[in-house]
């Protein structure tokens, strides 16, 4: 399985105390998300990038997931996914 594209970005440590590195991959009609926080890595799959990312963030807990998804850096990540120049 080869990804047609990968997106990498980092969320600030304000929510859980350490940076959160995110990698999203587009595999035809599925998305994969890899989330690294310190030495811990989690992953998620979904039909959309958002679904995959929420699945990968779930082990951090609901509050952390919601707060991370609302960070301003997510707007730039969304724009990159849509191919909008930043």
N, C-alpha and C. Protein backbone atom coordinates (compact mmCIF):
# COMPACT_ATOMS: atom_id res chain seq x y z
N UNK A 1 0.84 -1.17 0.00
CA UNK A 1 0.00 0.00 0.00
C UNK A 1 0.89 1.24 0.00
N UNK A 2 0.79 2.04 -1.03
CA UNK A 2 1.58 3.27 -1.12
C UNK A 2 0.69 4.48 -0.94
N UNK A 3 1.13 5.40 -0.14
CA UNK A 3 0.37 6.63 0.08
C UNK A 3 0.58 7.54 -1.11
N UNK A 4 -0.50 8.17 -1.57
CA UNK A 4 -0.35 9.10 -2.66
C UNK A 4 0.21 10.43 -2.15
N UNK A 5 0.04 10.70 -0.86
CA UNK A 5 0.61 11.92 -0.27
C UNK A 5 0.65 11.79 1.25
N UNK A 6 1.61 12.49 1.84
CA UNK A 6 1.77 12.53 3.30
C UNK A 6 1.78 13.98 3.74
N UNK A 7 1.22 14.24 4.91
CA UNK A 7 1.22 15.56 5.51
C UNK A 7 1.77 15.43 6.92
N UNK A 8 2.76 16.25 7.26
CA UNK A 8 3.37 16.25 8.59
C UNK A 8 3.21 17.63 9.21
N UNK A 9 2.85 17.66 10.48
CA UNK A 9 2.80 18.92 11.21
C UNK A 9 2.90 18.63 12.70
N UNK A 10 3.17 19.68 13.47
CA UNK A 10 3.32 19.54 14.92
C UNK A 10 2.38 20.50 15.64
N UNK A 11 1.77 20.00 16.69
CA UNK A 11 0.90 20.81 17.54
C UNK A 11 1.68 21.19 18.79
N UNK A 12 1.45 22.38 19.27
CA UNK A 12 2.22 22.90 20.41
C UNK A 12 1.94 22.10 21.68
N UNK A 13 2.84 22.19 22.65
CA UNK A 13 2.72 21.41 23.88
C UNK A 13 1.73 21.99 24.90
N UNK A 14 0.94 22.97 24.54
CA UNK A 14 0.09 23.65 25.53
C UNK A 14 -0.97 22.76 26.15
N UNK A 15 -1.39 21.71 25.47
CA UNK A 15 -2.49 20.88 25.98
C UNK A 15 -2.00 19.78 26.91
N UNK A 16 -1.01 19.02 26.47
CA UNK A 16 -0.57 17.87 27.27
C UNK A 16 0.85 18.00 27.79
N UNK A 17 1.45 19.16 27.58
CA UNK A 17 2.77 19.41 28.15
C UNK A 17 3.95 19.04 27.26
N UNK A 18 3.71 18.34 26.16
CA UNK A 18 4.77 18.00 25.21
C UNK A 18 4.22 18.18 23.80
N UNK A 19 5.10 18.44 22.83
CA UNK A 19 4.63 18.59 21.45
C UNK A 19 3.98 17.31 20.94
N UNK A 20 3.06 17.47 20.02
CA UNK A 20 2.37 16.35 19.39
C UNK A 20 2.70 16.39 17.90
N UNK A 21 3.44 15.39 17.42
CA UNK A 21 3.79 15.32 16.01
C UNK A 21 2.74 14.46 15.30
N UNK A 22 2.20 14.98 14.20
CA UNK A 22 1.14 14.29 13.46
C UNK A 22 1.61 14.02 12.04
N UNK A 23 1.31 12.82 11.57
CA UNK A 23 1.58 12.45 10.17
C UNK A 23 0.32 11.82 9.61
N UNK A 24 -0.19 12.38 8.52
CA UNK A 24 -1.39 11.87 7.87
C UNK A 24 -1.04 11.37 6.48
N UNK A 25 -1.54 10.19 6.14
CA UNK A 25 -1.30 9.62 4.82
C UNK A 25 -2.60 9.28 4.13
N UNK A 26 -2.67 9.60 2.85
CA UNK A 26 -3.84 9.35 2.01
C UNK A 26 -3.59 8.07 1.22
N UNK A 27 -4.38 7.04 1.47
CA UNK A 27 -4.27 5.76 0.77
C UNK A 27 -5.56 5.52 0.00
N UNK A 28 -5.63 6.04 -1.21
CA UNK A 28 -6.81 5.92 -2.05
C UNK A 28 -8.05 6.42 -1.31
N UNK A 29 -8.90 5.53 -0.80
CA UNK A 29 -10.13 5.98 -0.13
C UNK A 29 -10.06 5.87 1.39
N UNK A 30 -8.87 5.75 1.94
CA UNK A 30 -8.67 5.66 3.39
C UNK A 30 -7.55 6.59 3.81
N UNK A 31 -7.62 7.02 5.05
CA UNK A 31 -6.57 7.86 5.63
C UNK A 31 -5.96 7.14 6.83
N UNK A 32 -4.68 7.33 7.01
CA UNK A 32 -3.97 6.82 8.18
C UNK A 32 -3.37 8.01 8.92
N UNK A 33 -3.44 7.96 10.24
CA UNK A 33 -2.84 9.00 11.07
C UNK A 33 -1.87 8.35 12.04
N UNK A 34 -0.72 8.97 12.19
CA UNK A 34 0.28 8.53 13.16
C UNK A 34 0.54 9.73 14.06
N UNK A 35 0.37 9.54 15.36
CA UNK A 35 0.56 10.61 16.34
C UNK A 35 1.67 10.20 17.29
N UNK A 36 2.68 11.06 17.43
CA UNK A 36 3.80 10.78 18.34
C UNK A 36 3.82 11.84 19.43
N UNK A 37 3.76 11.41 20.67
CA UNK A 37 3.87 12.29 21.83
C UNK A 37 4.98 11.72 22.70
N UNK A 38 6.11 12.39 22.72
CA UNK A 38 7.25 11.86 23.47
C UNK A 38 7.68 10.54 22.85
N UNK A 39 7.73 9.49 23.67
CA UNK A 39 8.13 8.17 23.17
C UNK A 39 6.94 7.30 22.82
N UNK A 40 5.73 7.85 22.90
CA UNK A 40 4.52 7.09 22.61
C UNK A 40 4.02 7.41 21.21
N UNK A 41 3.66 6.36 20.47
CA UNK A 41 3.11 6.52 19.13
C UNK A 41 1.78 5.78 19.07
N UNK A 42 0.76 6.46 18.52
CA UNK A 42 -0.54 5.83 18.31
C UNK A 42 -0.92 6.06 16.85
N UNK A 43 -1.81 5.21 16.36
CA UNK A 43 -2.25 5.39 14.98
C UNK A 43 -3.74 5.19 14.87
N UNK A 44 -4.29 5.66 13.77
CA UNK A 44 -5.71 5.53 13.52
C UNK A 44 -5.98 5.48 12.04
N UNK A 45 -7.10 4.87 11.69
CA UNK A 45 -7.54 4.77 10.30
C UNK A 45 -8.94 5.35 10.19
N UNK A 46 -9.28 5.86 9.02
CA UNK A 46 -10.63 6.36 8.81
C UNK A 46 -10.87 6.75 7.37
N UNK A 47 -12.13 6.96 7.02
CA UNK A 47 -12.47 7.35 5.66
C UNK A 47 -12.06 8.79 5.33
N UNK A 48 -11.84 9.61 6.36
CA UNK A 48 -11.38 10.99 6.17
C UNK A 48 -10.15 11.21 7.04
N UNK A 49 -9.40 12.26 6.73
CA UNK A 49 -8.23 12.61 7.53
C UNK A 49 -8.65 12.92 8.97
N UNK A 50 -9.76 13.61 9.12
CA UNK A 50 -10.25 13.95 10.46
C UNK A 50 -10.57 12.70 11.27
N UNK A 51 -11.27 11.75 10.66
CA UNK A 51 -11.62 10.51 11.37
C UNK A 51 -10.37 9.75 11.81
N UNK A 52 -9.39 9.66 10.92
CA UNK A 52 -8.15 8.97 11.25
C UNK A 52 -7.41 9.68 12.37
N UNK A 53 -7.37 11.01 12.32
CA UNK A 53 -6.68 11.78 13.35
C UNK A 53 -7.37 11.66 14.70
N UNK A 54 -8.68 11.75 14.71
CA UNK A 54 -9.42 11.60 15.98
C UNK A 54 -9.18 10.20 16.57
N UNK A 55 -9.14 9.18 15.73
CA UNK A 55 -8.87 7.82 16.22
C UNK A 55 -7.46 7.72 16.81
N UNK A 56 -6.49 8.36 16.17
CA UNK A 56 -5.11 8.31 16.67
C UNK A 56 -4.93 9.13 17.94
N UNK A 57 -5.72 10.20 18.11
CA UNK A 57 -5.64 11.03 19.31
C UNK A 57 -6.43 10.46 20.48
N UNK A 58 -7.36 9.56 20.23
CA UNK A 58 -8.26 9.03 21.27
C UNK A 58 -7.55 8.55 22.53
N UNK A 59 -6.41 7.86 22.43
CA UNK A 59 -5.74 7.42 23.67
C UNK A 59 -5.31 8.57 24.59
N UNK A 60 -5.25 9.79 24.07
CA UNK A 60 -4.89 10.94 24.91
C UNK A 60 -6.06 11.41 25.77
N UNK A 61 -7.25 10.92 25.49
CA UNK A 61 -8.43 11.31 26.24
C UNK A 61 -9.27 12.32 25.47
N UNK A 62 -10.53 12.39 25.83
CA UNK A 62 -11.48 13.25 25.13
C UNK A 62 -11.10 14.73 25.21
N UNK A 63 -10.77 15.19 26.41
CA UNK A 63 -10.45 16.61 26.59
C UNK A 63 -9.23 17.02 25.77
N UNK A 64 -8.18 16.23 25.81
CA UNK A 64 -6.97 16.54 25.04
C UNK A 64 -7.26 16.48 23.54
N UNK A 65 -8.02 15.49 23.11
CA UNK A 65 -8.35 15.36 21.69
C UNK A 65 -9.12 16.57 21.19
N UNK A 66 -10.15 16.97 21.92
CA UNK A 66 -10.96 18.13 21.51
C UNK A 66 -10.12 19.40 21.48
N UNK A 67 -9.29 19.58 22.48
CA UNK A 67 -8.46 20.78 22.56
C UNK A 67 -7.42 20.80 21.44
N UNK A 68 -6.80 19.66 21.16
CA UNK A 68 -5.82 19.60 20.08
C UNK A 68 -6.48 19.85 18.72
N UNK A 69 -7.67 19.29 18.51
CA UNK A 69 -8.36 19.48 17.24
C UNK A 69 -8.77 20.93 17.02
N UNK A 70 -8.89 21.70 18.11
CA UNK A 70 -9.30 23.11 18.01
C UNK A 70 -8.13 24.07 17.92
N UNK A 71 -6.90 23.58 17.95
CA UNK A 71 -5.74 24.46 17.90
C UNK A 71 -5.65 25.16 16.55
N UNK A 72 -5.20 26.41 16.53
CA UNK A 72 -5.07 27.16 15.27
C UNK A 72 -4.21 26.46 14.22
N UNK A 73 -3.23 25.67 14.65
CA UNK A 73 -2.38 24.95 13.69
C UNK A 73 -3.20 24.00 12.83
N UNK A 74 -4.36 23.59 13.30
CA UNK A 74 -5.20 22.68 12.54
C UNK A 74 -5.77 23.36 11.30
N UNK A 75 -5.93 24.69 11.34
CA UNK A 75 -6.41 25.41 10.16
C UNK A 75 -5.39 25.32 9.03
N UNK A 76 -4.12 25.50 9.36
CA UNK A 76 -3.06 25.39 8.35
C UNK A 76 -2.97 23.96 7.82
N UNK A 77 -3.13 22.98 8.71
CA UNK A 77 -3.09 21.58 8.28
C UNK A 77 -4.26 21.28 7.34
N UNK A 78 -5.43 21.80 7.68
CA UNK A 78 -6.61 21.59 6.82
C UNK A 78 -6.39 22.22 5.44
N UNK A 79 -5.82 23.42 5.43
CA UNK A 79 -5.54 24.09 4.17
C UNK A 79 -4.56 23.28 3.32
N UNK A 80 -3.55 22.73 3.96
CA UNK A 80 -2.57 21.91 3.23
C UNK A 80 -3.23 20.66 2.63
N UNK A 81 -4.13 20.05 3.41
CA UNK A 81 -4.83 18.87 2.91
C UNK A 81 -5.69 19.21 1.69
N UNK A 82 -6.26 20.40 1.69
CA UNK A 82 -7.12 20.82 0.58
C UNK A 82 -6.33 21.41 -0.59
N UNK A 83 -5.02 21.58 -0.41
CA UNK A 83 -4.17 22.13 -1.46
C UNK A 83 -4.22 23.64 -1.57
N UNK A 84 -4.68 24.30 -0.51
CA UNK A 84 -4.75 25.76 -0.50
C UNK A 84 -3.37 26.31 -0.14
N UNK A 85 -2.81 27.22 -0.93
CA UNK A 85 -1.51 27.80 -0.60
C UNK A 85 -1.58 28.59 0.73
N UNK A 86 -0.57 28.41 1.56
CA UNK A 86 -0.55 29.13 2.86
C UNK A 86 0.45 30.24 2.84
